[in-house]
């Protein structure tokens, strides 16, 4: 029964080559993800690229620094909790929090949700490198394996994306 259900989902998603639409700006295939949108044939990534050019980044950085300073809690061990994967974005966020926003590394807590499907030696190394480089605390959260698998399967069947 489960295999028939998956097969029916896959068959519904089959697209003829002539039906494929691509972004006018970058050539990315449109409509490959549920709820993905485009505006007049331009993908959201390209639209966001244009919007980013209009943002006053210095003002936003100042706002974040002020916000972090204002919301420090002397009764808490940590001022900031950051979800991390260990990838480049995680490194950049931690570096900016410490170097630009003056968050002391001993007031920064990183949280990583372990992935049951794709753990890699490189990922473990990158996460360890992040913690060692900035000398920060890390919580590795591992969801019960069967719950993780069940929830991932449910997500896939509901939205076609794990």
C-alpha atoms as a PDB file:
ATOM      1  CA  UNK A   1       0.000   0.000   0.000  1.00  0.00           C
ATOM      2  CA  UNK A   2       2.783   2.404   0.938  1.00  0.00           C
ATOM      3  CA  UNK A   3       4.625   1.779  -2.359  1.00  0.00           C
ATOM      4  CA  UNK A   4       1.432   2.409  -4.355  1.00  0.00           C
ATOM      5  CA  UNK A   5       0.943   5.698  -2.511  1.00  0.00           C
ATOM      6  CA  UNK A   6       4.502   6.830  -3.279  1.00  0.00           C
ATOM      7  CA  UNK A   7       4.144   5.754  -6.927  1.00  0.00           C
ATOM      8  CA  UNK A   8       0.916   7.767  -7.269  1.00  0.00           C
ATOM      9  CA  UNK A   9       2.680  10.832  -5.859  1.00  0.00           C
ATOM     10  CA  UNK A  10       5.606  10.399  -8.248  1.00  0.00           C
ATOM     11  CA  UNK A  11       3.338   9.931 -11.264  1.00  0.00           C
ATOM     12  CA  UNK A  12       1.407  13.089 -10.377  1.00  0.00           C
ATOM     13  CA  UNK A  13       4.704  15.002 -10.350  1.00  0.00           C
ATOM     14  CA  UNK A  14       5.906  13.826 -13.792  1.00  0.00           C
ATOM     15  CA  UNK A  15       6.337  16.857 -16.029  1.00  0.00           C
ATOM     16  CA  UNK A  16       6.762  16.909 -19.760  1.00  0.00           C
ATOM     17  CA  UNK A  17       9.884  18.731 -20.990  1.00  0.00           C
ATOM     18  CA  UNK A  18       7.684  21.179 -22.916  1.00  0.00           C
ATOM     19  CA  UNK A  19       5.870  22.065 -19.670  1.00  0.00           C
ATOM     20  CA  UNK A  20       9.025  23.112 -17.827  1.00  0.00           C
ATOM     21  CA  UNK A  21       9.174  26.830 -17.058  1.00  0.00           C
ATOM     22  CA  UNK A  22      12.400  28.555 -16.093  1.00  0.00           C
ATOM     23  CA  UNK A  23      13.198  31.873 -14.413  1.00  0.00           C
ATOM     24  CA  UNK A  24      13.760  34.642 -16.966  1.00  0.00           C
ATOM     25  CA  UNK A  25      16.709  35.934 -14.932  1.00  0.00           C
ATOM     26  CA  UNK A  26      18.712  32.904 -13.808  1.00  0.00           C
ATOM     27  CA  UNK A  27      17.270  29.909 -15.637  1.00  0.00           C
ATOM     28  CA  UNK A  28      16.234  28.075 -12.448  1.00  0.00           C
ATOM     29  CA  UNK A  29      13.394  25.617 -13.068  1.00  0.00           C
ATOM     30  CA  UNK A  30      10.195  27.099 -11.651  1.00  0.00           C
ATOM     31  CA  UNK A  31       7.549  25.110  -9.826  1.00  0.00           C
ATOM     32  CA  UNK A  32       9.804  22.290  -8.647  1.00  0.00           C
ATOM     33  CA  UNK A  33       8.941  22.877  -4.985  1.00  0.00           C
ATOM     34  CA  UNK A  34       5.481  23.018  -3.461  1.00  0.00           C
ATOM     35  CA  UNK A  35       4.342  26.561  -2.709  1.00  0.00           C
ATOM     36  CA  UNK A  36       7.256  28.048  -4.653  1.00  0.00           C
ATOM     37  CA  UNK A  37       6.254  31.233  -6.362  1.00  0.00           C
ATOM     38  CA  UNK A  38       7.423  33.440  -9.158  1.00  0.00           C
ATOM     39  CA  UNK A  39       6.375  36.857 -10.376  1.00  0.00           C
ATOM     40  CA  UNK A  40       5.991  37.178 -14.124  1.00  0.00           C
ATOM     41  CA  UNK A  41       8.433  34.312 -14.675  1.00  0.00           C
ATOM     42  CA  UNK A  42      11.104  35.585 -12.257  1.00  0.00           C
ATOM     43  CA  UNK A  43      11.913  33.369  -9.250  1.00  0.00           C
ATOM     44  CA  UNK A  44      11.812  34.677  -5.690  1.00  0.00           C
ATOM     45  CA  UNK A  45      15.594  34.353  -5.334  1.00  0.00           C
ATOM     46  CA  UNK A  46      16.105  36.817  -8.189  1.00  0.00           C
ATOM     47  CA  UNK A  47      13.412  39.126  -6.807  1.00  0.00           C
ATOM     48  CA  UNK A  48      15.034  39.005  -3.379  1.00  0.00           C
ATOM     49  CA  UNK A  49      18.431  39.788  -4.894  1.00  0.00           C
ATOM     50  CA  UNK A  50      16.963  43.029  -6.216  1.00  0.00           C
ATOM     51  CA  UNK A  51      15.317  43.822  -2.864  1.00  0.00           C
ATOM     52  CA  UNK A  52      18.568  43.205  -0.957  1.00  0.00           C
ATOM     53  CA  UNK A  53      20.224  46.010  -2.887  1.00  0.00           C
ATOM     54  CA  UNK A  54      17.733  48.449  -1.368  1.00  0.00           C
ATOM     55  CA  UNK A  55      18.307  47.427   2.267  1.00  0.00           C
ATOM     56  CA  UNK A  56      20.284  49.677   4.593  1.00  0.00           C
ATOM     57  CA  UNK A  57      22.503  46.955   6.072  1.00  0.00           C
ATOM     58  CA  UNK A  58      24.340  49.277   8.468  1.00  0.00           C
ATOM     59  CA  UNK A  59      21.042  50.345   9.983  1.00  0.00           C
ATOM     60  CA  UNK A  60      19.975  46.718  10.399  1.00  0.00           C
ATOM     61  CA  UNK A  61      23.283  45.784  12.014  1.00  0.00           C
ATOM     62  CA  UNK A  62      22.950  48.667  14.461  1.00  0.00           C
ATOM     63  CA  UNK A  63      19.381  47.645  15.273  1.00  0.00           C
ATOM     64  CA  UNK A  64      20.510  44.071  16.056  1.00  0.00           C
ATOM     65  CA  UNK A  65      23.389  45.251  18.252  1.00  0.00           C
ATOM     66  CA  UNK A  66      21.024  47.524  20.182  1.00  0.00           C
ATOM     67  CA  UNK A  67      18.395  44.791  20.474  1.00  0.00           C
ATOM     68  CA  UNK A  68      20.901  42.256  21.805  1.00  0.00           C
ATOM     69  CA  UNK A  69      22.268  44.746  24.322  1.00  0.00           C
ATOM     70  CA  UNK A  70      18.789  45.762  25.506  1.00  0.00           C
ATOM     71  CA  UNK A  71      17.555  42.180  25.973  1.00  0.00           C
ATOM     72  CA  UNK A  72      20.442  40.768  27.992  1.00  0.00           C
ATOM     73  CA  UNK A  73      19.187  38.766  30.933  1.00  0.00           C
ATOM     74  CA  UNK A  74      21.525  38.754  33.936  1.00  0.00           C
ATOM     75  CA  UNK A  75      19.563  35.812  35.384  1.00  0.00           C
ATOM     76  CA  UNK A  76      20.319  33.639  32.356  1.00  0.00           C
ATOM     77  CA  UNK A  77      23.583  31.929  31.524  1.00  0.00           C
ATOM     78  CA  UNK A  78      23.184  32.839  27.844  1.00  0.00           C
ATOM     79  CA  UNK A  79      22.213  36.010  25.995  1.00  0.00           C
ATOM     80  CA  UNK A  80      21.815  34.406  22.565  1.00  0.00           C
ATOM     81  CA  UNK A  81      20.795  30.919  21.407  1.00  0.00           C
ATOM     82  CA  UNK A  82      21.565  30.082  17.770  1.00  0.00           C
ATOM     83  CA  UNK A  83      20.466  27.042  15.799  1.00  0.00           C
ATOM     84  CA  UNK A  84      23.438  25.812  13.754  1.00  0.00           C
ATOM     85  CA  UNK A  85      24.219  23.125  11.208  1.00  0.00           C
ATOM     86  CA  UNK A  86      27.966  23.675  11.181  1.00  0.00           C
ATOM     87  CA  UNK A  87      27.986  24.986   7.624  1.00  0.00           C
ATOM     88  CA  UNK A  88      29.234  28.290   6.256  1.00  0.00           C
ATOM     89  CA  UNK A  89      26.166  30.231   7.364  1.00  0.00           C
ATOM     90  CA  UNK A  90      26.563  28.955  10.933  1.00  0.00           C
ATOM     91  CA  UNK A  91      30.196  30.068  11.001  1.00  0.00           C
ATOM     92  CA  UNK A  92      29.312  33.488   9.577  1.00  0.00           C
ATOM     93  CA  UNK A  93      26.500  34.058  12.102  1.00  0.00           C
ATOM     94  CA  UNK A  94      28.637  33.106  15.102  1.00  0.00           C
ATOM     95  CA  UNK A  95      31.559  35.203  13.876  1.00  0.00           C
ATOM     96  CA  UNK A  96      29.311  38.262  13.369  1.00  0.00           C
ATOM     97  CA  UNK A  97      27.617  37.884  16.736  1.00  0.00           C
ATOM     98  CA  UNK A  98      30.972  37.806  18.504  1.00  0.00           C
ATOM     99  CA  UNK A  99      32.978  40.277  16.409  1.00  0.00           C
ATOM    100  CA  UNK A 100      30.365  42.805  15.275  1.00  0.00           C
ATOM    101  CA  UNK A 101      27.580  42.588  17.847  1.00  0.00           C
ATOM    102  CA  UNK A 102      29.894  42.103  20.846  1.00  0.00           C
ATOM    103  CA  UNK A 103      28.203  38.974  22.198  1.00  0.00           C
ATOM    104  CA  UNK A 104      30.736  37.353  24.557  1.00  0.00           C
ATOM    105  CA  UNK A 105      31.432  33.776  23.491  1.00  0.00           C
ATOM    106  CA  UNK A 106      30.583  32.507  26.983  1.00  0.00           C
ATOM    107  CA  UNK A 107      27.084  34.069  26.640  1.00  0.00           C
ATOM    108  CA  UNK A 108      26.397  32.356  23.283  1.00  0.00           C
ATOM    109  CA  UNK A 109      24.761  28.921  23.092  1.00  0.00           C
ATOM    110  CA  UNK A 110      24.675  26.928  19.873  1.00  0.00           C
ATOM    111  CA  UNK A 111      22.033  24.246  19.300  1.00  0.00           C
ATOM    112  CA  UNK A 112      22.347  21.593  16.610  1.00  0.00           C
ATOM    113  CA  UNK A 113      19.599  19.132  15.665  1.00  0.00           C
ATOM    114  CA  UNK A 114      21.215  15.889  14.559  1.00  0.00           C
ATOM    115  CA  UNK A 115      20.107  14.505  11.202  1.00  0.00           C
ATOM    116  CA  UNK A 116      19.386  10.773  11.141  1.00  0.00           C
ATOM    117  CA  UNK A 117      19.786  10.524   7.365  1.00  0.00           C
ATOM    118  CA  UNK A 118      22.814  12.489   6.292  1.00  0.00           C
ATOM    119  CA  UNK A 119      25.373  12.783   9.078  1.00  0.00           C
ATOM    120  CA  UNK A 120      28.859  13.011   7.613  1.00  0.00           C
ATOM    121  CA  UNK A 121      32.393  13.129   8.933  1.00  0.00           C
ATOM    122  CA  UNK A 122      32.781  16.540   7.306  1.00  0.00           C
ATOM    123  CA  UNK A 123      29.643  17.838   9.052  1.00  0.00           C
ATOM    124  CA  UNK A 124      30.818  16.595  12.438  1.00  0.00           C
ATOM    125  CA  UNK A 125      34.254  18.115  11.795  1.00  0.00           C
ATOM    126  CA  UNK A 126      32.764  21.488  10.770  1.00  0.00           C
ATOM    127  CA  UNK A 127      30.568  21.633  13.847  1.00  0.00           C
ATOM    128  CA  UNK A 128      33.489  20.722  16.092  1.00  0.00           C
ATOM    129  CA  UNK A 129      35.642  23.325  14.339  1.00  0.00           C
ATOM    130  CA  UNK A 130      32.982  25.994  14.940  1.00  0.00           C
ATOM    131  CA  UNK A 131      32.804  25.209  18.659  1.00  0.00           C
ATOM    132  CA  UNK A 132      36.596  25.094  19.074  1.00  0.00           C
ATOM    133  CA  UNK A 133      37.336  28.203  16.999  1.00  0.00           C
ATOM    134  CA  UNK A 134      34.942  30.440  18.929  1.00  0.00           C
ATOM    135  CA  UNK A 135      35.080  28.528  22.249  1.00  0.00           C
ATOM    136  CA  UNK A 136      31.284  28.365  22.585  1.00  0.00           C
ATOM    137  CA  UNK A 137      28.886  25.911  24.200  1.00  0.00           C
ATOM    138  CA  UNK A 138      26.953  23.523  21.971  1.00  0.00           C
ATOM    139  CA  UNK A 139      23.935  21.343  22.603  1.00  0.00           C
ATOM    140  CA  UNK A 140      23.500  18.467  20.159  1.00  0.00           C
ATOM    141  CA  UNK A 141      19.832  17.536  20.132  1.00  0.00           C
ATOM    142  CA  UNK A 142      18.972  14.120  18.800  1.00  0.00           C
ATOM    143  CA  UNK A 143      15.312  13.417  18.265  1.00  0.00           C
ATOM    144  CA  UNK A 144      14.209   9.833  18.885  1.00  0.00           C
ATOM    145  CA  UNK A 145      15.256   8.075  15.627  1.00  0.00           C
ATOM    146  CA  UNK A 146      11.860   6.537  14.841  1.00  0.00           C
ATOM    147  CA  UNK A 147      10.103   9.840  15.567  1.00  0.00           C
ATOM    148  CA  UNK A 148      12.532  11.656  13.269  1.00  0.00           C
ATOM    149  CA  UNK A 149      11.968   9.115  10.478  1.00  0.00           C
ATOM    150  CA  UNK A 150       8.191   9.159  10.966  1.00  0.00           C
ATOM    151  CA  UNK A 151       7.988  12.973  10.946  1.00  0.00           C
ATOM    152  CA  UNK A 152      10.266  13.224   7.904  1.00  0.00           C
ATOM    153  CA  UNK A 153       8.145  10.671   6.032  1.00  0.00           C
ATOM    154  CA  UNK A 154       4.965  12.561   6.989  1.00  0.00           C
ATOM    155  CA  UNK A 155       6.494  15.831   5.794  1.00  0.00           C
ATOM    156  CA  UNK A 156       7.553  14.235   2.511  1.00  0.00           C
ATOM    157  CA  UNK A 157       4.119  12.784   1.848  1.00  0.00           C
ATOM    158  CA  UNK A 158       2.388  16.071   2.680  1.00  0.00           C
ATOM    159  CA  UNK A 159       4.655  18.379   0.697  1.00  0.00           C
ATOM    160  CA  UNK A 160       6.859  16.133  -1.462  1.00  0.00           C
ATOM    161  CA  UNK A 161       9.943  17.522   0.298  1.00  0.00           C
ATOM    162  CA  UNK A 162      11.810  15.947   3.211  1.00  0.00           C
END
